[in-house]
């Protein structure tokens, strides 16, 4: 069922690499509440979307909304303080990737990133 949807899309792969490099630059050079916290969260949803579309051909809306749901689920785990409950707080990379603090603003950023993807895909049709 999924095998026929596996494909390589160079455009999305290059966008994934570019967005990843931007995210790394944000993490290294910005330490503010807007660029690092908000813009970084907007971009991470777009990054994950592009990564999935790099290898899996599927409906854009389904992929975008699935990525949004995934991001919200991660935020929910932050709300539950899962990393500390599991005693994984000493693994800094895990804390950076999954985050450690719940914030409603993050969900707004994820929604904005999802909207950008959906509008962009509609324009490209």
Protein backbone atom coordinates (compact mmCIF):
# COMPACT_ATOMS: atom_id res chain seq x y z
CA UNK A 1 0.00 0.00 0.00
CA UNK A 2 2.70 2.51 0.97
CA UNK A 3 5.41 1.12 -1.31
CA UNK A 4 3.92 2.68 -4.42
CA UNK A 5 3.97 6.07 -2.69
CA UNK A 6 7.69 5.88 -1.91
CA UNK A 7 9.57 8.14 -4.26
CA UNK A 8 12.44 10.61 -4.14
CA UNK A 9 11.67 14.27 -4.70
CA UNK A 10 14.84 16.31 -5.08
CA UNK A 11 13.06 19.67 -4.67
CA UNK A 12 11.67 18.77 -1.25
CA UNK A 13 14.94 17.16 -0.22
CA UNK A 14 16.90 20.32 -1.04
CA UNK A 15 14.32 22.39 0.84
CA UNK A 16 14.74 20.03 3.80
CA UNK A 17 18.50 20.58 3.81
CA UNK A 18 18.09 24.36 3.49
CA UNK A 19 15.53 24.54 6.30
CA UNK A 20 17.69 22.32 8.50
CA UNK A 21 20.67 24.63 7.99
CA UNK A 22 18.49 27.65 8.79
CA UNK A 23 17.28 25.93 11.96
CA UNK A 24 20.88 25.19 12.99
CA UNK A 25 21.84 28.84 12.38
CA UNK A 26 18.87 29.99 14.46
CA UNK A 27 19.87 27.63 17.27
CA UNK A 28 23.48 28.86 17.22
CA UNK A 29 23.09 32.61 16.72
CA UNK A 30 19.71 33.58 18.14
CA UNK A 31 18.60 33.50 21.74
CA UNK A 32 15.40 35.50 21.74
CA UNK A 33 11.69 34.81 22.12
CA UNK A 34 10.76 35.62 18.53
CA UNK A 35 13.33 34.25 16.05
CA UNK A 36 14.49 31.24 18.03
CA UNK A 37 11.25 30.35 19.75
CA UNK A 38 8.54 31.40 17.29
CA UNK A 39 10.13 31.48 13.83
CA UNK A 40 12.09 28.32 14.61
CA UNK A 41 8.84 26.51 15.47
CA UNK A 42 7.13 27.78 12.31
CA UNK A 43 10.06 26.51 10.25
CA UNK A 44 10.34 23.14 11.99
CA UNK A 45 6.84 22.17 10.81
CA UNK A 46 7.77 23.14 7.26
CA UNK A 47 11.06 21.23 7.61
CA UNK A 48 9.33 18.03 8.71
CA UNK A 49 6.74 18.42 5.94
CA UNK A 50 9.48 18.81 3.30
CA UNK A 51 11.38 15.83 4.70
CA UNK A 52 8.33 13.59 4.44
CA UNK A 53 7.53 14.84 0.94
CA UNK A 54 11.15 14.13 -0.04
CA UNK A 55 10.45 10.41 0.17
CA UNK A 56 6.70 9.92 0.23
CA UNK A 57 4.24 11.07 -2.41
CA UNK A 58 0.91 11.73 -0.74
CA UNK A 59 -1.83 14.31 -0.48
CA UNK A 60 -0.34 17.63 0.64
CA UNK A 61 -3.17 18.38 3.06
CA UNK A 62 -2.94 14.98 4.71
CA UNK A 63 0.82 15.29 5.15
CA UNK A 64 0.62 18.89 6.43
CA UNK A 65 -2.14 18.11 8.94
CA UNK A 66 -0.32 14.96 10.06
CA UNK A 67 2.83 16.97 10.72
CA UNK A 68 0.75 19.53 12.64
CA UNK A 69 -0.79 16.73 14.74
CA UNK A 70 2.67 15.28 15.38
CA UNK A 71 4.01 18.68 16.48
CA UNK A 72 1.03 19.16 18.80
CA UNK A 73 1.56 15.67 20.22
CA UNK A 74 5.18 16.54 21.03
CA UNK A 75 3.96 19.75 22.66
CA UNK A 76 1.48 17.66 24.66
CA UNK A 77 4.34 15.48 25.89
CA UNK A 78 6.07 18.67 27.01
CA UNK A 79 2.92 19.62 28.93
CA UNK A 80 3.06 16.22 30.64
CA UNK A 81 6.77 16.83 31.40
CA UNK A 82 7.55 13.40 29.96
CA UNK A 83 11.31 13.85 29.61
CA UNK A 84 11.73 14.56 33.32
CA UNK A 85 9.23 11.87 34.33
CA UNK A 86 11.26 9.32 32.37
CA UNK A 87 14.51 10.63 33.85
CA UNK A 88 15.91 11.65 30.46
CA UNK A 89 16.67 15.29 31.27
CA UNK A 90 20.42 14.68 31.21
CA UNK A 91 20.32 13.89 27.48
CA UNK A 92 20.66 17.43 26.13
CA UNK A 93 20.15 16.49 22.47
CA UNK A 94 16.86 14.79 23.34
CA UNK A 95 15.77 17.84 25.33
CA UNK A 96 16.66 20.11 22.38
CA UNK A 97 14.82 17.93 19.84
CA UNK A 98 11.71 17.26 21.90
CA UNK A 99 11.73 20.43 23.96
CA UNK A 100 10.97 20.62 27.63
CA UNK A 101 8.52 23.48 28.15
CA UNK A 102 4.91 23.59 27.03
CA UNK A 103 3.79 26.86 25.45
CA UNK A 104 0.55 27.66 23.62
CA UNK A 105 2.55 30.01 21.41
CA UNK A 106 4.32 26.97 20.00
CA UNK A 107 1.01 25.53 18.82
CA UNK A 108 0.21 28.84 17.15
CA UNK A 109 3.62 28.68 15.43
CA UNK A 110 2.93 25.11 14.28
CA UNK A 111 -0.46 26.19 12.92
CA UNK A 112 1.15 29.10 11.07
CA UNK A 113 3.79 26.80 9.58
CA UNK A 114 1.07 24.39 8.48
CA UNK A 115 -0.92 27.25 6.93
CA UNK A 116 2.17 28.44 5.06
CA UNK A 117 2.69 24.94 3.65
CA UNK A 118 -0.95 24.62 2.58
CA UNK A 119 -1.05 28.05 0.95
CA UNK A 120 2.31 27.48 -0.76
CA UNK A 121 1.19 24.12 -2.14
CA UNK A 122 -2.06 25.67 -3.39
CA UNK A 123 -0.13 28.45 -5.17
CA UNK A 124 2.15 25.87 -6.83
CA UNK A 125 -0.78 23.81 -8.18
